Protein backbone atom coordinates (compact mmCIF):
# COMPACT_ATOMS: atom_id res chain seq x y z
CA MET A 1 8.86 -32.61 30.72
CA ALA A 2 8.07 -36.25 31.46
CA ILE A 3 4.58 -36.84 32.90
CA THR A 4 4.47 -39.52 35.61
CA ALA A 5 1.72 -42.08 36.25
CA ALA A 6 1.29 -40.60 39.73
CA GLN A 7 0.52 -37.17 38.28
CA VAL A 8 -2.02 -38.66 35.86
CA LYS A 9 -3.65 -40.55 38.73
CA GLU A 10 -3.86 -37.44 40.88
CA LEU A 11 -5.43 -35.38 38.12
CA ARG A 12 -7.95 -38.13 37.33
CA GLU A 13 -8.99 -38.29 40.99
CA MET A 14 -9.36 -34.51 41.10
CA THR A 15 -11.40 -34.15 37.94
CA GLY A 16 -12.93 -37.50 37.01
CA ALA A 17 -11.37 -37.17 33.54
CA GLY A 18 -10.25 -40.20 31.53
CA MET A 19 -6.64 -41.37 31.67
CA MET A 20 -5.67 -40.19 28.20
CA ASP A 21 -7.41 -36.84 28.70
CA ALA A 22 -5.59 -36.31 32.00
CA LYS A 23 -2.24 -37.20 30.45
CA LYS A 24 -2.84 -34.83 27.54
CA ALA A 25 -3.85 -32.03 29.91
CA LEU A 26 -0.63 -32.43 31.89
CA THR A 27 1.45 -32.57 28.70
CA GLU A 28 -0.18 -29.42 27.36
CA THR A 29 0.47 -27.54 30.64
CA ASP A 30 4.00 -28.85 31.33
CA GLY A 31 2.85 -30.78 34.40
CA ASP A 32 1.22 -27.83 36.12
CA MET A 33 -1.63 -29.47 38.07
CA ASP A 34 -3.80 -26.36 38.50
CA ALA A 35 -3.36 -25.40 34.84
CA ALA A 36 -4.19 -28.95 33.83
CA VAL A 37 -7.46 -28.78 35.78
CA ASP A 38 -8.33 -25.52 34.01
CA TRP A 39 -7.38 -27.08 30.66
CA LEU A 40 -9.77 -29.95 31.27
CA ARG A 41 -12.51 -27.58 32.36
CA THR A 42 -12.19 -25.54 29.18
CA LYS A 43 -12.52 -28.75 27.17
CA GLY A 44 -15.58 -29.81 29.19
CA LEU A 45 -13.77 -32.88 30.50
CA ALA A 46 -13.73 -32.04 34.21
CA LYS A 47 -17.47 -31.67 34.61
CA ALA A 48 -17.88 -35.32 35.51
CA ALA A 49 -16.25 -34.81 38.89
CA LYS A 50 -18.90 -32.31 39.94
CA LYS A 51 -21.65 -34.77 39.08
CA SER A 52 -20.18 -37.88 40.67
CA GLY A 53 -21.81 -37.38 44.07
CA ARG A 54 -25.34 -37.27 42.69
CA THR A 55 -27.62 -40.33 42.93
CA ALA A 56 -28.07 -42.03 39.57
CA ALA A 57 -31.13 -44.23 39.91
CA GLU A 58 -32.81 -43.78 36.52
CA GLY A 59 -31.46 -44.91 33.15
CA LEU A 60 -31.84 -48.02 31.00
CA VAL A 61 -31.39 -51.76 30.99
CA ALA A 62 -30.23 -53.15 27.64
CA VAL A 63 -30.24 -56.77 26.47
CA GLU A 64 -28.07 -58.23 23.72
CA VAL A 65 -27.82 -61.77 22.32
CA ASN A 66 -24.86 -63.23 20.46
CA GLY A 67 -25.43 -66.85 19.47
CA GLY A 68 -26.11 -68.85 22.63
CA THR A 69 -25.02 -66.05 24.97
CA GLY A 70 -27.25 -63.28 26.28
CA VAL A 71 -26.22 -60.30 28.35
CA ALA A 72 -28.10 -57.60 30.24
CA VAL A 73 -26.50 -54.35 31.39
CA GLU A 74 -27.78 -51.46 33.50
CA ILE A 75 -26.54 -47.94 32.89
CA ASN A 76 -27.88 -45.36 35.31
CA ALA A 77 -28.44 -41.62 35.07
CA GLU A 78 -30.00 -39.09 37.38
CA THR A 79 -33.31 -38.46 35.56
CA ASP A 80 -35.61 -40.34 33.22
CA PHE A 81 -35.21 -37.50 30.71
CA VAL A 82 -31.71 -38.80 29.94
CA ALA A 83 -33.11 -42.29 29.31
CA LYS A 84 -35.07 -40.73 26.42
CA ASN A 85 -31.97 -39.05 25.01
CA ALA A 86 -30.88 -40.58 21.70
CA GLU A 87 -27.15 -40.12 22.48
CA PHE A 88 -27.53 -41.89 25.81
CA GLN A 89 -29.46 -44.72 24.15
CA GLU A 90 -26.81 -45.11 21.49
CA MET A 91 -24.12 -45.34 24.17
CA VAL A 92 -26.09 -47.92 26.17
CA GLY A 93 -26.60 -50.04 23.06
CA GLY A 94 -22.89 -49.94 22.29
CA ILE A 95 -22.00 -50.94 25.84
CA ALA A 96 -24.43 -53.87 25.69
CA LYS A 97 -22.74 -55.14 22.52
CA ALA A 98 -19.31 -54.79 24.15
CA ALA A 99 -20.60 -56.78 27.14
CA THR A 100 -21.09 -59.94 25.08
CA GLY A 101 -17.30 -60.33 24.94
CA VAL A 102 -16.57 -60.00 28.70
CA ASP A 103 -17.67 -61.73 31.90
CA THR A 104 -17.62 -59.03 34.59
CA VAL A 105 -18.66 -55.41 34.97
CA GLU A 106 -15.04 -54.53 35.76
CA ALA A 107 -13.90 -56.06 32.48
CA LEU A 108 -16.71 -54.25 30.69
CA ALA A 109 -15.52 -50.89 32.08
CA ASP A 110 -12.13 -51.61 30.50
CA ALA A 111 -13.55 -52.96 27.21
CA GLU A 112 -13.10 -50.91 24.06
CA LEU A 113 -15.95 -48.92 22.54
CA ASN A 114 -15.36 -46.53 19.65
CA GLY A 115 -11.64 -46.45 20.32
CA LYS A 116 -11.93 -45.68 24.05
CA LYS A 117 -12.55 -47.63 27.22
CA VAL A 118 -16.22 -47.93 28.14
CA SER A 119 -15.47 -46.06 31.39
CA GLU A 120 -14.03 -43.17 29.39
CA VAL A 121 -16.98 -43.13 27.02
CA ILE A 122 -19.29 -42.77 30.04
CA THR A 123 -17.14 -39.98 31.51
CA ASP A 124 -17.27 -38.11 28.21
CA LYS A 125 -21.05 -38.48 28.10
CA ILE A 126 -21.37 -37.17 31.68
CA ALA A 127 -19.43 -34.06 30.63
CA LYS A 128 -21.57 -33.56 27.55
CA ILE A 129 -25.05 -34.28 28.98
CA GLY A 130 -24.35 -32.90 32.45
CA GLU A 131 -25.72 -35.71 34.63
CA ASN A 132 -23.97 -38.33 36.68
CA MET A 133 -24.01 -41.77 35.01
CA THR A 134 -22.82 -45.15 36.21
CA LEU A 135 -22.19 -48.57 34.70
CA ARG A 136 -23.91 -50.42 37.54
CA ARG A 137 -24.01 -54.11 36.63
CA MET A 138 -24.20 -56.82 34.00
CA ALA A 139 -25.37 -60.45 33.93
CA LYS A 140 -25.09 -63.25 31.36
CA VAL A 141 -26.85 -66.48 30.50
CA GLU A 142 -25.99 -69.26 28.10
CA GLY A 143 -28.06 -71.95 26.38
CA GLU A 144 -28.97 -73.44 23.03
CA THR A 145 -31.47 -70.59 22.67
CA VAL A 146 -31.60 -67.24 24.45
CA ALA A 147 -34.84 -65.31 24.33
CA THR A 148 -35.36 -61.71 25.43
CA TYR A 149 -38.13 -59.42 26.54
CA VAL A 150 -37.98 -55.70 27.33
CA HIS A 151 -40.72 -53.94 29.29
CA ASN A 152 -41.40 -50.21 28.86
CA VAL A 153 -39.28 -50.05 25.75
CA ALA A 154 -37.32 -46.80 25.24
CA ALA A 155 -35.48 -47.98 22.13
CA PRO A 156 -34.90 -51.39 20.47
CA GLY A 157 -33.43 -53.79 23.03
CA MET A 158 -33.58 -51.44 25.99
CA GLY A 159 -36.07 -50.17 28.54
CA GLN A 160 -36.98 -50.21 32.23
CA ILE A 161 -36.95 -54.02 32.65
CA GLY A 162 -34.84 -56.41 30.64
CA VAL A 163 -35.21 -60.19 30.75
CA LEU A 164 -33.10 -63.01 29.32
CA VAL A 165 -34.11 -66.67 29.29
CA ALA A 166 -31.69 -69.46 28.32
CA LEU A 167 -33.25 -72.69 27.02
CA ASN A 168 -32.09 -76.07 25.88
CA GLY A 169 -34.64 -77.32 23.39
CA GLY A 170 -37.96 -75.61 22.79
CA THR A 171 -38.43 -72.52 20.65
CA GLU A 172 -37.55 -68.84 20.88
CA GLU A 173 -41.29 -68.05 20.90
CA PHE A 174 -41.76 -70.16 24.06
CA GLY A 175 -38.67 -68.54 25.55
CA LYS A 176 -40.16 -65.08 25.00
CA GLN A 177 -43.38 -66.17 26.73
CA VAL A 178 -41.31 -67.27 29.73
CA ALA A 179 -39.40 -63.99 29.62
CA MET A 180 -42.69 -62.07 29.72
CA HIS A 181 -43.78 -64.22 32.67
CA ILE A 182 -40.51 -63.41 34.50
CA ALA A 183 -40.98 -59.66 33.89
CA ALA A 184 -44.44 -59.84 35.45
CA ALA A 185 -43.93 -62.40 38.25
CA ASN A 186 -40.36 -61.49 39.28
CA PRO A 187 -39.31 -64.90 40.66
CA ALA A 188 -36.60 -65.02 43.33
CA SER A 189 -34.79 -67.96 41.71
CA LEU A 190 -35.01 -70.59 38.99
CA SER A 191 -35.77 -73.46 41.40
CA THR A 192 -35.74 -74.28 45.10
CA ASP A 193 -32.13 -75.47 44.75
CA ASP A 194 -31.09 -71.94 43.69
CA LEU A 195 -33.02 -70.05 46.34
CA ASP A 196 -31.01 -68.18 48.97
CA PRO A 197 -31.08 -70.33 52.16
CA ALA A 198 -31.39 -67.17 54.24
CA VAL A 199 -34.67 -66.31 52.43
CA VAL A 200 -36.04 -69.81 53.07
CA GLU A 201 -35.07 -69.73 56.74
CA LYS A 202 -36.56 -66.31 57.28
CA GLU A 203 -39.88 -67.42 55.79
CA ARG A 204 -39.81 -70.65 57.82
CA GLN A 205 -39.40 -68.66 61.05
CA VAL A 206 -42.30 -66.40 60.08
CA GLN A 207 -44.50 -69.42 59.42
CA ILE A 208 -43.45 -71.06 62.70
CA ASP A 209 -44.45 -67.93 64.62
CA ILE A 210 -47.80 -67.71 62.79
CA ALA A 211 -48.57 -71.40 63.32
CA ARG A 212 -47.75 -71.30 67.05
CA GLU A 213 -50.10 -68.36 67.53
CA SER A 214 -52.91 -70.75 66.58
CA GLY A 215 -52.37 -72.74 69.79
CA LYS A 216 -52.71 -76.04 67.95
CA PRO A 217 -50.74 -79.21 68.86
CA GLU A 218 -47.10 -79.40 67.78
CA GLN A 219 -47.79 -82.23 65.30
CA VAL A 220 -50.45 -80.13 63.57
CA ILE A 221 -48.17 -77.09 63.60
CA GLU A 222 -45.41 -79.03 61.81
CA LYS A 223 -47.81 -80.07 59.05
CA MET A 224 -49.07 -76.49 58.73
CA ILE A 225 -45.53 -75.23 58.33
CA GLU A 226 -44.65 -77.88 55.74
CA GLY A 227 -47.71 -77.01 53.64
CA ARG A 228 -47.14 -73.27 53.84
CA MET A 229 -43.47 -73.65 52.93
CA ARG A 230 -44.36 -75.73 49.85
CA LYS A 231 -46.77 -72.99 48.81
CA PHE A 232 -44.13 -70.30 49.44
CA LEU A 233 -41.46 -72.11 47.39
CA ALA A 234 -43.90 -72.59 44.52
CA GLU A 235 -44.75 -68.91 44.53
CA VAL A 236 -41.19 -67.56 44.53
CA THR A 237 -39.39 -69.97 42.19
CA LEU A 238 -39.77 -69.69 38.44
CA LEU A 239 -40.32 -73.39 37.78
CA GLY A 240 -42.92 -73.63 40.55
CA GLN A 241 -44.95 -70.59 39.58
CA GLN A 242 -48.25 -70.75 37.71
CA PHE A 243 -47.49 -69.84 34.08
CA VAL A 244 -49.11 -66.47 33.26
CA ILE A 245 -49.79 -67.63 29.69
CA ASN A 246 -51.64 -70.72 30.98
CA PRO A 247 -52.34 -70.65 34.76
CA ASP A 248 -53.39 -74.30 34.66
CA LEU A 249 -49.73 -75.22 34.28
CA THR A 250 -46.61 -74.46 36.26
CA VAL A 251 -43.76 -72.98 34.29
CA GLU A 252 -41.90 -76.28 34.73
CA LYS A 253 -44.80 -78.26 33.26
CA ALA A 254 -45.24 -75.75 30.42
CA ALA A 255 -41.55 -76.14 29.57
CA GLU A 256 -41.87 -79.94 29.52
CA GLU A 257 -44.80 -79.68 27.11
CA ALA A 258 -42.79 -77.32 24.93
CA GLY A 259 -39.84 -79.73 24.88
CA ALA A 260 -37.64 -77.19 26.64
CA THR A 261 -35.41 -77.06 29.70
CA ILE A 262 -34.96 -73.65 31.26
CA VAL A 263 -31.32 -73.47 32.27
CA GLY A 264 -31.07 -69.87 33.41
CA TYR A 265 -32.62 -66.41 33.43
CA VAL A 266 -31.90 -62.79 34.27
CA ARG A 267 -34.41 -60.15 35.26
CA MET A 268 -32.90 -56.70 35.59
CA GLN A 269 -34.88 -53.58 36.46
CA VAL A 270 -33.59 -50.02 36.39
CA GLY A 271 -32.75 -48.65 39.82
CA GLU A 272 -33.79 -51.68 41.90
CA GLY A 273 -32.02 -51.60 45.23
CA ILE A 274 -30.86 -47.97 44.86
CA GLU A 275 -32.05 -45.61 47.59
CA LYS A 276 -33.43 -42.52 45.89
CA LYS A 277 -33.28 -39.13 47.49
CA GLU A 278 -36.74 -37.60 47.39
CA GLU A 279 -36.98 -34.00 46.13
CA ASP A 280 -39.97 -31.97 45.17
CA PHE A 281 -40.24 -31.01 41.51
CA ALA A 282 -39.70 -27.30 42.15
CA ALA A 283 -36.43 -28.11 43.92
CA GLU A 284 -35.34 -30.29 40.99
CA VAL A 285 -36.02 -27.48 38.48
CA ALA A 286 -34.18 -24.94 40.65
CA LYS A 287 -31.24 -27.31 40.97
CA ALA A 288 -31.13 -27.88 37.21
CA ALA A 289 -31.24 -24.14 36.56
CA GLN A 290 -28.18 -23.66 38.75
CA GLY A 291 -26.21 -26.21 36.68
């Protein structure tokens, strides 16, 4: 019998299986939905649905450079044990390479990897390894030179923190020094022009409140606020920060001396911004034993 797109969609939503796997299951079972679910379960392709509600806050960030383009991707899993798994690492590396040819995480999910969509590759890996996994995000930079740095390396080009720095002029060695600085200092933006206005305004209000508590005249308070805001902007912007390699220079001054212009950067850390559910270790082991 003919299998409709609606049937395939329904089965995918029920099981979390890939599109081609769902279609094959329906074909093999003559469109019987319940039988198709069982068929997928026997093939180990419906396990992903059971895992999809679990928080995936561990995993890896991978960086990849192709010419003047650099990309960072984050793939999450439930535990740091999976991040040490060679199969998981191989998949993450393949996804990072695929990411150099697309511009959004949605396009990356649809990109081809080993004859399948990236999203389907991840679903297959969920079924095999038995943990929820997500393709969370990607980011790109472009410049004459793109340097990388990975902190807490798990495998070549991937670890807990991945940094990309795009330069015009300068050298890759200087770029890597800047990337190491970014990993350590975690700037909020490249320059004051790129800083979120909401962040600036929030800090200004805090400084106004602090200054007014001093009871000093309004003219003095205004100068206090101006000075503190200059200090704040220098501390949170990459170009204004003291260079960790040479604290006598700002990053901007160090770049000038190196004959480089920093045109962009990415700092991506595994799990940042994800709310983790706290469980004691005994509970985790018991949960794992139950499957």
